[in-house]
N, C-alpha and C. Protein backbone atom coordinates (compact mmCIF):
# COMPACT_ATOMS: atom_id res chain seq x y z
N UNK A 1 -0.20 -24.17 4.62
CA UNK A 1 -0.14 -23.15 5.65
C UNK A 1 -1.53 -22.54 5.87
N UNK A 2 -2.57 -23.36 6.08
CA UNK A 2 -3.92 -22.81 6.13
C UNK A 2 -4.18 -21.88 7.29
N UNK A 3 -3.55 -22.12 8.45
CA UNK A 3 -3.87 -21.28 9.60
C UNK A 3 -3.26 -19.90 9.52
N UNK A 4 -2.24 -19.73 8.67
CA UNK A 4 -1.57 -18.44 8.60
C UNK A 4 -2.50 -17.34 8.15
N UNK A 5 -3.45 -17.68 7.27
CA UNK A 5 -4.34 -16.67 6.72
C UNK A 5 -5.70 -16.64 7.41
N UNK A 6 -5.88 -17.47 8.47
CA UNK A 6 -7.14 -17.42 9.19
C UNK A 6 -7.16 -16.18 10.07
N UNK A 7 -8.24 -15.44 9.97
CA UNK A 7 -8.35 -14.23 10.77
C UNK A 7 -8.88 -14.50 12.16
N UNK A 8 -9.73 -15.48 12.28
CA UNK A 8 -10.34 -15.77 13.57
C UNK A 8 -10.55 -17.27 13.74
N UNK A 9 -10.53 -17.70 14.99
CA UNK A 9 -10.77 -19.08 15.30
C UNK A 9 -11.94 -19.15 16.27
N UNK A 10 -12.78 -20.17 16.16
CA UNK A 10 -13.91 -20.32 17.06
C UNK A 10 -13.96 -21.74 17.59
N UNK A 11 -14.36 -21.88 18.83
CA UNK A 11 -14.46 -23.18 19.47
C UNK A 11 -15.91 -23.43 19.85
N UNK A 12 -16.44 -24.57 19.43
CA UNK A 12 -17.84 -24.88 19.72
C UNK A 12 -17.97 -25.33 21.16
N UNK A 13 -18.92 -24.73 21.88
CA UNK A 13 -19.23 -25.11 23.26
C UNK A 13 -20.74 -25.17 23.39
N UNK A 14 -21.27 -26.35 23.26
CA UNK A 14 -22.72 -26.48 23.28
C UNK A 14 -23.30 -25.81 22.06
N UNK A 15 -24.17 -24.86 22.30
CA UNK A 15 -24.80 -24.12 21.20
C UNK A 15 -24.14 -22.77 20.95
N UNK A 16 -23.04 -22.51 21.62
CA UNK A 16 -22.41 -21.19 21.47
C UNK A 16 -21.05 -21.33 20.81
N UNK A 17 -20.57 -20.22 20.26
CA UNK A 17 -19.24 -20.18 19.66
C UNK A 17 -18.42 -19.15 20.43
N UNK A 18 -17.23 -19.54 20.87
CA UNK A 18 -16.35 -18.63 21.58
C UNK A 18 -15.21 -18.21 20.66
N UNK A 19 -15.07 -16.92 20.45
CA UNK A 19 -14.04 -16.41 19.55
C UNK A 19 -12.79 -16.08 20.35
N UNK A 20 -11.65 -16.61 19.91
CA UNK A 20 -10.40 -16.33 20.59
C UNK A 20 -9.83 -15.01 20.10
N UNK A 21 -8.84 -14.50 20.82
CA UNK A 21 -8.18 -13.26 20.43
C UNK A 21 -7.34 -13.49 19.18
N UNK A 22 -7.25 -12.48 18.35
CA UNK A 22 -6.49 -12.56 17.11
C UNK A 22 -5.00 -12.44 17.40
N UNK A 23 -4.20 -13.34 16.87
CA UNK A 23 -2.74 -13.29 17.02
C UNK A 23 -2.16 -12.41 15.92
N UNK A 24 -1.56 -11.30 16.31
CA UNK A 24 -0.98 -10.38 15.34
C UNK A 24 0.51 -10.65 15.18
N UNK A 25 0.99 -10.57 13.95
CA UNK A 25 2.40 -10.76 13.65
C UNK A 25 3.07 -9.40 13.49
N UNK A 26 4.30 -9.27 14.02
CA UNK A 26 5.03 -8.03 13.78
C UNK A 26 5.97 -8.20 12.59
N UNK A 27 6.62 -7.12 12.20
CA UNK A 27 7.46 -7.14 11.00
C UNK A 27 8.61 -8.13 11.12
N UNK A 28 9.25 -8.20 12.29
CA UNK A 28 10.37 -9.13 12.47
C UNK A 28 9.90 -10.58 12.32
N UNK A 29 8.77 -10.90 12.91
CA UNK A 29 8.23 -12.27 12.78
C UNK A 29 7.86 -12.57 11.33
N UNK A 30 7.30 -11.58 10.66
CA UNK A 30 6.91 -11.72 9.26
C UNK A 30 8.14 -12.03 8.40
N UNK A 31 9.23 -11.32 8.62
CA UNK A 31 10.46 -11.57 7.86
C UNK A 31 11.01 -12.96 8.16
N UNK A 32 10.91 -13.40 9.42
CA UNK A 32 11.41 -14.73 9.77
C UNK A 32 10.60 -15.83 9.09
N UNK A 33 9.32 -15.57 8.83
CA UNK A 33 8.50 -16.55 8.11
C UNK A 33 9.07 -16.83 6.71
N UNK A 34 9.60 -15.80 6.08
CA UNK A 34 10.23 -15.99 4.77
C UNK A 34 11.58 -16.69 4.93
N UNK A 35 12.35 -16.27 5.93
CA UNK A 35 13.68 -16.85 6.13
C UNK A 35 13.62 -18.34 6.42
N UNK A 36 12.61 -18.77 7.16
CA UNK A 36 12.49 -20.18 7.54
C UNK A 36 11.64 -20.99 6.57
N UNK A 37 11.07 -20.35 5.56
CA UNK A 37 10.28 -21.08 4.57
C UNK A 37 8.83 -21.30 4.93
N UNK A 38 8.38 -20.73 6.06
CA UNK A 38 6.95 -20.83 6.40
C UNK A 38 6.13 -20.18 5.30
N UNK A 39 6.61 -19.02 4.84
CA UNK A 39 6.03 -18.40 3.65
C UNK A 39 7.05 -18.56 2.53
N UNK A 40 6.64 -19.11 1.41
CA UNK A 40 7.53 -19.29 0.28
C UNK A 40 7.78 -17.96 -0.42
N UNK A 41 8.97 -17.78 -0.94
CA UNK A 41 9.32 -16.51 -1.57
C UNK A 41 8.45 -16.18 -2.77
N UNK A 42 7.90 -17.21 -3.41
CA UNK A 42 7.05 -16.95 -4.58
C UNK A 42 5.62 -16.56 -4.21
N UNK A 43 5.27 -16.71 -2.92
CA UNK A 43 3.93 -16.31 -2.49
C UNK A 43 3.84 -14.79 -2.43
N UNK A 44 2.77 -14.23 -2.99
CA UNK A 44 2.57 -12.78 -2.96
C UNK A 44 1.66 -12.43 -1.79
N UNK A 45 2.28 -11.91 -0.74
CA UNK A 45 1.54 -11.53 0.47
C UNK A 45 2.07 -10.19 0.97
N UNK A 46 1.33 -9.58 1.89
CA UNK A 46 1.80 -8.37 2.57
C UNK A 46 1.29 -8.40 4.00
N UNK A 47 1.98 -7.69 4.86
CA UNK A 47 1.59 -7.62 6.28
C UNK A 47 0.76 -6.37 6.50
N UNK A 48 -0.50 -6.56 6.89
CA UNK A 48 -1.42 -5.45 7.10
C UNK A 48 -1.99 -5.54 8.52
N UNK A 49 -1.61 -4.59 9.36
CA UNK A 49 -2.08 -4.52 10.74
C UNK A 49 -1.97 -5.88 11.44
N UNK A 50 -0.81 -6.51 11.29
CA UNK A 50 -0.53 -7.75 12.00
C UNK A 50 -1.03 -9.01 11.33
N UNK A 51 -1.68 -8.89 10.20
CA UNK A 51 -2.20 -10.06 9.49
C UNK A 51 -1.50 -10.23 8.16
N UNK A 52 -1.20 -11.47 7.81
CA UNK A 52 -0.56 -11.77 6.53
C UNK A 52 -1.67 -11.97 5.51
N UNK A 53 -1.71 -11.08 4.52
CA UNK A 53 -2.81 -11.02 3.58
C UNK A 53 -2.31 -11.35 2.17
N UNK A 54 -2.96 -12.26 1.45
CA UNK A 54 -2.56 -12.52 0.06
C UNK A 54 -2.81 -11.30 -0.81
N UNK A 55 -1.92 -11.05 -1.75
CA UNK A 55 -2.07 -9.97 -2.71
C UNK A 55 -2.81 -10.50 -3.94
N UNK A 56 -3.78 -9.76 -4.42
CA UNK A 56 -4.57 -10.20 -5.57
C UNK A 56 -3.69 -10.36 -6.80
N UNK A 57 -4.04 -11.34 -7.61
CA UNK A 57 -3.35 -11.53 -8.89
C UNK A 57 -3.55 -10.31 -9.77
N UNK A 58 -2.55 -10.00 -10.59
CA UNK A 58 -2.60 -8.80 -11.41
C UNK A 58 -2.90 -9.19 -12.86
N UNK A 59 -4.02 -8.70 -13.37
CA UNK A 59 -4.37 -9.00 -14.76
C UNK A 59 -3.66 -8.02 -15.69
N UNK A 60 -3.72 -8.23 -17.01
CA UNK A 60 -2.97 -7.38 -17.94
C UNK A 60 -3.25 -5.88 -17.82
N UNK A 61 -4.52 -5.41 -17.70
CA UNK A 61 -4.73 -3.96 -17.55
C UNK A 61 -4.06 -3.38 -16.30
N UNK A 62 -4.09 -4.13 -15.22
CA UNK A 62 -3.45 -3.69 -13.97
C UNK A 62 -1.95 -3.58 -14.18
N UNK A 63 -1.35 -4.62 -14.75
CA UNK A 63 0.10 -4.62 -14.96
C UNK A 63 0.51 -3.50 -15.91
N UNK A 64 -0.25 -3.32 -16.99
CA UNK A 64 0.09 -2.28 -17.96
C UNK A 64 0.00 -0.89 -17.36
N UNK A 65 -1.03 -0.65 -16.53
CA UNK A 65 -1.19 0.66 -15.90
C UNK A 65 -0.08 0.92 -14.89
N UNK A 66 0.28 -0.09 -14.12
CA UNK A 66 1.37 0.06 -13.16
C UNK A 66 2.67 0.43 -13.87
N UNK A 67 2.95 -0.25 -14.98
CA UNK A 67 4.17 0.04 -15.74
C UNK A 67 4.12 1.43 -16.36
N UNK A 68 2.99 1.78 -16.96
CA UNK A 68 2.85 3.08 -17.61
C UNK A 68 3.01 4.22 -16.60
N UNK A 69 2.30 4.13 -15.48
CA UNK A 69 2.34 5.19 -14.47
C UNK A 69 3.71 5.30 -13.83
N UNK A 70 4.34 4.18 -13.52
CA UNK A 70 5.65 4.23 -12.88
C UNK A 70 6.71 4.78 -13.82
N UNK A 71 6.66 4.39 -15.09
CA UNK A 71 7.62 4.93 -16.06
C UNK A 71 7.47 6.44 -16.20
N UNK A 72 6.22 6.90 -16.27
CA UNK A 72 5.95 8.34 -16.41
C UNK A 72 6.46 9.11 -15.19
N UNK A 73 6.16 8.60 -13.99
CA UNK A 73 6.59 9.29 -12.77
C UNK A 73 8.11 9.25 -12.62
N UNK A 74 8.74 8.18 -13.06
CA UNK A 74 10.20 8.13 -13.00
C UNK A 74 10.82 9.23 -13.86
N UNK A 75 10.23 9.48 -15.03
CA UNK A 75 10.75 10.54 -15.89
C UNK A 75 10.52 11.92 -15.26
N UNK A 76 9.32 12.12 -14.72
CA UNK A 76 8.99 13.42 -14.13
C UNK A 76 9.81 13.74 -12.89
N UNK A 77 10.09 12.73 -12.08
CA UNK A 77 10.67 12.95 -10.76
C UNK A 77 12.11 12.47 -10.65
N UNK A 78 12.75 12.30 -11.79
CA UNK A 78 14.08 11.69 -11.82
C UNK A 78 15.09 12.38 -10.90
N UNK A 79 15.01 13.68 -10.77
CA UNK A 79 16.01 14.42 -10.00
C UNK A 79 15.62 14.65 -8.55
N UNK A 80 14.36 14.34 -8.20
CA UNK A 80 13.91 14.74 -6.86
C UNK A 80 13.38 13.59 -6.00
N UNK A 81 13.08 12.45 -6.60
CA UNK A 81 12.51 11.35 -5.82
C UNK A 81 12.81 10.02 -6.49
N UNK A 82 12.66 8.95 -5.71
CA UNK A 82 12.82 7.58 -6.21
C UNK A 82 11.44 6.96 -6.34
N UNK A 83 11.19 6.31 -7.46
CA UNK A 83 9.91 5.65 -7.68
C UNK A 83 10.11 4.14 -7.58
N UNK A 84 9.47 3.54 -6.59
CA UNK A 84 9.57 2.09 -6.36
C UNK A 84 8.28 1.43 -6.84
N UNK A 85 8.41 0.22 -7.37
CA UNK A 85 7.26 -0.49 -7.93
C UNK A 85 7.07 -1.82 -7.20
N UNK A 86 5.91 -1.96 -6.53
CA UNK A 86 5.52 -3.18 -5.84
C UNK A 86 6.61 -3.68 -4.89
N UNK A 87 7.18 -2.73 -4.14
CA UNK A 87 8.16 -3.03 -3.11
C UNK A 87 7.60 -2.62 -1.75
N UNK A 88 8.10 -3.24 -0.67
CA UNK A 88 7.53 -2.97 0.65
C UNK A 88 7.80 -1.57 1.17
N UNK A 89 6.85 -1.12 1.99
CA UNK A 89 6.95 0.11 2.78
C UNK A 89 6.65 -0.29 4.22
N UNK A 90 7.51 0.08 5.16
CA UNK A 90 7.22 -0.26 6.56
C UNK A 90 6.50 0.90 7.23
N UNK A 91 5.19 0.72 7.41
CA UNK A 91 4.37 1.77 8.01
C UNK A 91 4.45 1.78 9.52
N UNK A 92 4.61 0.60 10.11
CA UNK A 92 4.62 0.48 11.57
C UNK A 92 5.22 -0.88 11.92
N UNK A 93 5.21 -1.20 13.20
CA UNK A 93 5.70 -2.50 13.65
C UNK A 93 4.84 -3.64 13.12
N UNK A 94 3.59 -3.34 12.73
CA UNK A 94 2.67 -4.39 12.33
C UNK A 94 2.17 -4.27 10.88
N UNK A 95 2.69 -3.34 10.12
CA UNK A 95 2.22 -3.18 8.74
C UNK A 95 3.38 -2.95 7.79
N UNK A 96 3.49 -3.83 6.80
CA UNK A 96 4.48 -3.70 5.74
C UNK A 96 3.80 -4.03 4.40
N UNK A 97 2.99 -3.11 3.90
CA UNK A 97 2.30 -3.35 2.63
C UNK A 97 3.26 -3.19 1.44
N UNK A 98 2.79 -3.62 0.28
CA UNK A 98 3.55 -3.47 -0.96
C UNK A 98 2.69 -2.71 -1.97
N UNK A 99 2.64 -1.39 -1.85
CA UNK A 99 1.84 -0.60 -2.79
C UNK A 99 2.36 -0.77 -4.22
N UNK A 100 1.47 -0.57 -5.17
CA UNK A 100 1.88 -0.73 -6.56
C UNK A 100 2.99 0.25 -6.93
N UNK A 101 2.88 1.48 -6.46
CA UNK A 101 3.91 2.49 -6.73
C UNK A 101 4.12 3.31 -5.46
N UNK A 102 5.38 3.57 -5.13
CA UNK A 102 5.71 4.44 -4.01
C UNK A 102 6.72 5.47 -4.47
N UNK A 103 6.41 6.73 -4.24
CA UNK A 103 7.35 7.83 -4.53
C UNK A 103 7.98 8.21 -3.19
N UNK A 104 9.29 7.98 -3.09
CA UNK A 104 9.97 8.14 -1.80
C UNK A 104 11.20 9.04 -1.96
N UNK A 105 11.77 9.41 -0.82
CA UNK A 105 12.97 10.25 -0.82
C UNK A 105 14.12 9.55 -1.54
N UNK A 106 14.96 10.33 -2.17
CA UNK A 106 16.17 9.78 -2.77
C UNK A 106 17.06 9.17 -1.69
N UNK A 107 17.65 8.04 -2.01
CA UNK A 107 18.57 7.37 -1.08
C UNK A 107 19.73 6.84 -1.92
N UNK A 108 20.95 7.23 -1.59
CA UNK A 108 22.10 6.88 -2.41
C UNK A 108 22.31 5.38 -2.52
N UNK A 109 21.84 4.62 -1.53
CA UNK A 109 22.03 3.16 -1.54
C UNK A 109 20.73 2.42 -1.83
N UNK A 110 19.73 3.15 -2.31
CA UNK A 110 18.46 2.54 -2.75
C UNK A 110 17.77 1.73 -1.65
N UNK A 111 17.88 2.20 -0.39
CA UNK A 111 17.23 1.56 0.74
C UNK A 111 17.71 0.12 0.95
N UNK A 112 19.02 -0.07 0.87
CA UNK A 112 19.58 -1.40 1.03
C UNK A 112 19.45 -1.92 2.46
N UNK A 113 19.36 -1.01 3.44
CA UNK A 113 19.34 -1.44 4.84
C UNK A 113 17.98 -1.32 5.52
N UNK A 114 16.98 -0.83 4.80
CA UNK A 114 15.64 -0.76 5.38
C UNK A 114 14.63 -0.43 4.28
N UNK A 115 13.36 -0.75 4.56
CA UNK A 115 12.30 -0.32 3.66
C UNK A 115 11.90 1.11 4.05
N UNK A 116 11.46 1.91 3.09
CA UNK A 116 11.07 3.29 3.42
C UNK A 116 10.00 3.35 4.51
N UNK A 117 10.15 4.30 5.41
CA UNK A 117 9.20 4.55 6.49
C UNK A 117 8.31 5.71 6.08
N UNK A 118 7.22 5.96 6.81
CA UNK A 118 6.30 7.05 6.44
C UNK A 118 6.95 8.40 6.24
N UNK A 119 7.97 8.74 7.05
CA UNK A 119 8.60 10.05 6.90
C UNK A 119 9.50 10.14 5.67
N UNK A 120 9.63 9.03 4.94
CA UNK A 120 10.42 9.01 3.70
C UNK A 120 9.53 8.87 2.46
N UNK A 121 8.22 8.86 2.68
CA UNK A 121 7.27 8.63 1.59
C UNK A 121 6.59 9.94 1.19
N UNK A 122 6.63 10.25 -0.10
CA UNK A 122 5.91 11.42 -0.63
C UNK A 122 4.51 11.06 -1.10
N UNK A 123 4.38 9.89 -1.72
CA UNK A 123 3.11 9.49 -2.36
C UNK A 123 3.06 7.98 -2.47
N UNK A 124 1.90 7.40 -2.16
CA UNK A 124 1.65 5.98 -2.42
C UNK A 124 0.52 5.86 -3.43
N UNK A 125 0.65 4.89 -4.33
CA UNK A 125 -0.36 4.68 -5.38
C UNK A 125 -0.74 3.20 -5.42
N UNK A 126 -2.04 2.94 -5.46
CA UNK A 126 -2.55 1.61 -5.75
C UNK A 126 -3.25 1.65 -7.10
N UNK A 127 -3.06 0.63 -7.91
CA UNK A 127 -3.74 0.50 -9.18
C UNK A 127 -4.91 -0.46 -8.96
N UNK A 128 -6.12 -0.03 -9.34
CA UNK A 128 -7.32 -0.80 -9.01
C UNK A 128 -8.13 -1.12 -10.25
N UNK A 129 -8.43 -2.39 -10.41
CA UNK A 129 -9.44 -2.81 -11.36
C UNK A 129 -10.50 -3.59 -10.61
N UNK A 130 -10.11 -4.73 -10.02
CA UNK A 130 -11.04 -5.50 -9.19
C UNK A 130 -10.91 -5.16 -7.71
N UNK A 131 -9.95 -4.33 -7.32
CA UNK A 131 -9.67 -4.09 -5.90
C UNK A 131 -10.06 -2.68 -5.45
N UNK A 132 -10.89 -1.99 -6.21
CA UNK A 132 -11.17 -0.58 -5.93
C UNK A 132 -11.74 -0.38 -4.52
N UNK A 133 -12.72 -1.17 -4.12
CA UNK A 133 -13.33 -0.99 -2.80
C UNK A 133 -12.33 -1.26 -1.68
N UNK A 134 -11.52 -2.30 -1.84
CA UNK A 134 -10.51 -2.61 -0.81
C UNK A 134 -9.48 -1.49 -0.72
N UNK A 135 -9.09 -0.94 -1.87
CA UNK A 135 -8.11 0.15 -1.85
C UNK A 135 -8.68 1.41 -1.21
N UNK A 136 -9.99 1.61 -1.33
CA UNK A 136 -10.62 2.77 -0.69
C UNK A 136 -10.88 2.53 0.80
N UNK A 137 -11.38 1.35 1.14
CA UNK A 137 -11.85 1.11 2.50
C UNK A 137 -10.81 0.48 3.42
N UNK A 138 -9.80 -0.17 2.87
CA UNK A 138 -8.78 -0.80 3.71
C UNK A 138 -7.44 -0.08 3.62
N UNK A 139 -6.99 0.19 2.39
CA UNK A 139 -5.67 0.82 2.26
C UNK A 139 -5.71 2.30 2.66
N UNK A 140 -6.75 3.03 2.29
CA UNK A 140 -6.80 4.45 2.62
C UNK A 140 -6.71 4.71 4.12
N UNK A 141 -7.51 4.05 4.96
CA UNK A 141 -7.34 4.29 6.40
C UNK A 141 -5.99 3.84 6.95
N UNK A 142 -5.45 2.75 6.38
CA UNK A 142 -4.14 2.28 6.81
C UNK A 142 -3.07 3.34 6.53
N UNK A 143 -3.10 3.92 5.34
CA UNK A 143 -2.11 4.92 4.97
C UNK A 143 -2.34 6.23 5.73
N UNK A 144 -3.61 6.59 5.96
CA UNK A 144 -3.90 7.80 6.72
C UNK A 144 -3.38 7.68 8.16
N UNK A 145 -3.64 6.54 8.76
CA UNK A 145 -3.19 6.31 10.14
C UNK A 145 -1.67 6.43 10.26
N UNK A 146 -0.95 6.02 9.21
CA UNK A 146 0.52 6.09 9.23
C UNK A 146 1.03 7.49 8.91
N UNK A 147 0.12 8.39 8.51
CA UNK A 147 0.53 9.76 8.22
C UNK A 147 1.06 9.97 6.82
N UNK A 148 0.72 9.08 5.89
CA UNK A 148 1.13 9.25 4.50
C UNK A 148 0.38 10.46 3.94
N UNK A 149 1.12 11.47 3.50
CA UNK A 149 0.52 12.76 3.14
C UNK A 149 -0.38 12.69 1.93
N UNK A 150 -0.07 11.79 1.00
CA UNK A 150 -0.83 11.74 -0.24
C UNK A 150 -0.93 10.30 -0.74
N UNK A 151 -2.15 9.92 -1.13
CA UNK A 151 -2.43 8.57 -1.60
C UNK A 151 -3.34 8.66 -2.81
N UNK A 152 -2.98 7.95 -3.89
CA UNK A 152 -3.80 7.93 -5.09
C UNK A 152 -4.24 6.51 -5.41
N UNK A 153 -5.44 6.38 -5.93
CA UNK A 153 -5.91 5.12 -6.52
C UNK A 153 -6.13 5.36 -8.00
N UNK A 154 -5.43 4.61 -8.85
CA UNK A 154 -5.65 4.70 -10.28
C UNK A 154 -6.75 3.70 -10.65
N UNK A 155 -7.90 4.23 -10.99
CA UNK A 155 -9.06 3.41 -11.34
C UNK A 155 -8.93 3.02 -12.82
N UNK A 156 -8.53 1.79 -13.06
CA UNK A 156 -8.28 1.32 -14.42
C UNK A 156 -9.54 1.34 -15.27
N UNK A 157 -10.66 0.98 -14.68
CA UNK A 157 -11.91 0.86 -15.44
C UNK A 157 -12.48 2.22 -15.85
N UNK A 158 -12.42 3.21 -14.96
CA UNK A 158 -12.96 4.54 -15.25
C UNK A 158 -11.90 5.51 -15.77
N UNK A 159 -10.65 5.09 -15.75
CA UNK A 159 -9.53 5.95 -16.17
C UNK A 159 -9.58 7.29 -15.44
N UNK A 160 -9.66 7.19 -14.13
CA UNK A 160 -9.66 8.37 -13.28
C UNK A 160 -8.84 8.07 -12.03
N UNK A 161 -8.53 9.12 -11.28
CA UNK A 161 -7.69 8.97 -10.09
C UNK A 161 -8.43 9.47 -8.86
N UNK A 162 -8.50 8.63 -7.85
CA UNK A 162 -8.99 9.05 -6.53
C UNK A 162 -7.79 9.60 -5.76
N UNK A 163 -7.90 10.83 -5.31
CA UNK A 163 -6.81 11.49 -4.60
C UNK A 163 -7.20 11.69 -3.14
N UNK A 164 -6.34 11.25 -2.24
CA UNK A 164 -6.59 11.37 -0.80
C UNK A 164 -5.46 12.20 -0.19
N UNK A 165 -5.85 13.26 0.57
CA UNK A 165 -4.88 14.14 1.19
C UNK A 165 -5.36 14.54 2.60
N UNK A 166 -4.47 15.14 3.35
CA UNK A 166 -4.74 15.61 4.72
C UNK A 166 -5.13 14.45 5.63
N UNK A 167 -4.20 13.55 5.92
CA UNK A 167 -4.50 12.39 6.77
C UNK A 167 -4.70 12.78 8.22
N UNK A 168 -5.58 12.02 8.89
CA UNK A 168 -5.67 12.09 10.34
C UNK A 168 -5.52 10.66 10.86
N UNK A 169 -5.88 10.40 12.09
CA UNK A 169 -5.68 9.07 12.66
C UNK A 169 -6.69 8.05 12.17
N UNK A 170 -7.69 8.49 11.41
CA UNK A 170 -8.75 7.58 10.96
C UNK A 170 -8.81 7.50 9.44
N UNK A 171 -8.80 8.63 8.76
CA UNK A 171 -8.96 8.65 7.31
C UNK A 171 -8.35 9.94 6.76
N UNK A 172 -8.63 10.22 5.50
CA UNK A 172 -8.16 11.46 4.88
C UNK A 172 -9.27 12.50 4.87
N UNK A 173 -8.92 13.73 5.18
CA UNK A 173 -9.92 14.79 5.24
C UNK A 173 -10.26 15.37 3.87
N UNK A 174 -9.34 15.20 2.92
CA UNK A 174 -9.61 15.70 1.56
C UNK A 174 -9.60 14.54 0.57
N UNK A 175 -10.67 14.43 -0.22
CA UNK A 175 -10.78 13.40 -1.24
C UNK A 175 -11.27 14.02 -2.54
N UNK A 176 -10.57 13.72 -3.62
CA UNK A 176 -10.93 14.24 -4.93
C UNK A 176 -10.97 13.09 -5.93
N UNK A 177 -11.79 13.23 -6.97
CA UNK A 177 -11.76 12.31 -8.10
C UNK A 177 -11.43 13.12 -9.34
N UNK A 178 -10.34 12.77 -9.99
CA UNK A 178 -9.87 13.53 -11.15
C UNK A 178 -10.03 12.71 -12.42
N UNK A 179 -10.61 13.33 -13.44
CA UNK A 179 -10.75 12.70 -14.75
C UNK A 179 -9.41 12.78 -15.49
N UNK A 180 -9.29 12.01 -16.57
CA UNK A 180 -7.99 11.90 -17.24
C UNK A 180 -7.60 13.13 -18.05
N UNK A 181 -8.51 14.07 -18.24
CA UNK A 181 -8.18 15.26 -19.03
C UNK A 181 -7.65 16.41 -18.18
N UNK A 182 -7.34 16.17 -16.91
CA UNK A 182 -6.84 17.23 -16.03
C UNK A 182 -5.43 16.89 -15.56
N UNK A 183 -4.85 17.79 -14.80
CA UNK A 183 -3.52 17.57 -14.24
C UNK A 183 -3.54 17.87 -12.75
N UNK A 184 -2.50 17.42 -12.06
CA UNK A 184 -2.39 17.64 -10.62
C UNK A 184 -0.92 17.74 -10.25
N UNK A 185 -0.63 18.50 -9.21
CA UNK A 185 0.73 18.57 -8.68
C UNK A 185 0.79 17.82 -7.36
N UNK A 186 1.89 17.14 -7.11
CA UNK A 186 2.07 16.47 -5.82
C UNK A 186 2.24 17.50 -4.72
N UNK A 187 1.78 17.17 -3.54
CA UNK A 187 1.98 18.06 -2.39
C UNK A 187 3.46 18.34 -2.19
N UNK A 188 4.28 17.30 -2.32
CA UNK A 188 5.71 17.45 -2.06
C UNK A 188 6.43 18.23 -3.15
N UNK A 189 5.87 18.24 -4.36
CA UNK A 189 6.53 18.90 -5.49
C UNK A 189 5.51 19.73 -6.26
N UNK A 190 5.05 20.84 -5.70
CA UNK A 190 3.99 21.64 -6.33
C UNK A 190 4.38 22.21 -7.68
N UNK A 191 5.67 22.27 -7.97
CA UNK A 191 6.12 22.83 -9.24
C UNK A 191 6.07 21.81 -10.39
N UNK A 192 5.83 20.53 -10.06
CA UNK A 192 5.81 19.48 -11.08
C UNK A 192 4.37 19.09 -11.37
N UNK A 193 3.97 19.21 -12.61
CA UNK A 193 2.59 18.92 -13.02
C UNK A 193 2.48 17.51 -13.58
N UNK A 194 1.54 16.76 -13.03
CA UNK A 194 1.30 15.38 -13.47
C UNK A 194 0.05 15.36 -14.33
N UNK A 195 0.17 14.93 -15.58
CA UNK A 195 -0.97 14.79 -16.46
C UNK A 195 -1.64 13.45 -16.20
N UNK A 196 -2.89 13.46 -15.78
CA UNK A 196 -3.59 12.22 -15.42
C UNK A 196 -3.62 11.24 -16.61
N UNK A 197 -3.81 11.74 -17.80
CA UNK A 197 -3.88 10.86 -18.97
C UNK A 197 -2.61 10.06 -19.18
N UNK A 198 -1.47 10.61 -18.73
CA UNK A 198 -0.19 9.93 -18.93
C UNK A 198 0.02 8.77 -17.95
N UNK A 199 -0.84 8.65 -16.96
CA UNK A 199 -0.73 7.55 -15.98
C UNK A 199 -1.33 6.26 -16.51
N UNK A 200 -2.13 6.37 -17.57
CA UNK A 200 -2.84 5.20 -18.11
C UNK A 200 -2.33 4.84 -19.50
N UNK A 201 -2.29 3.54 -19.83
CA UNK A 201 -1.83 3.14 -21.17
C UNK A 201 -2.86 3.48 -22.24
């Protein structure tokens, strides 16, 4: 399936290259790719602004941090929110990413009939070891544009958290970097204190 991941196509005409328009896929088409076998179920991909993007392989520190942070947040937020791990979020008609952790509204049927939408999301978290720049420069504007109120990047290498708040149509207006010896409260749950050190193994 080599053409599925090509972002641009060019046609040689003499000494010039003509770039064609990018074909964007919507969420319904993306789902049909799985149903028809165009994308195999074992392939790790996500839909980002109309493009099908491979998800980076997860090494042991990434996996351990995702498990540690999600388990901790599940305990803290058991009565007020649902914590999903590496499951899709539908941001728009053209974006269905799979953040490492999503804190979303409680749903009695566990979102059996749809993936959570932006108005059902309290917090999205990406765990970064080799993907830190992409999570800052690609995921942050994507989440801000969708109106996600709070976005964190867990920096595995530095054991710190990049916090993004106050989204606008381009990026987040508030950005903080928190060391592991401090705590923070979620915007949605100011009464619940999250110890940064507990997010890391």
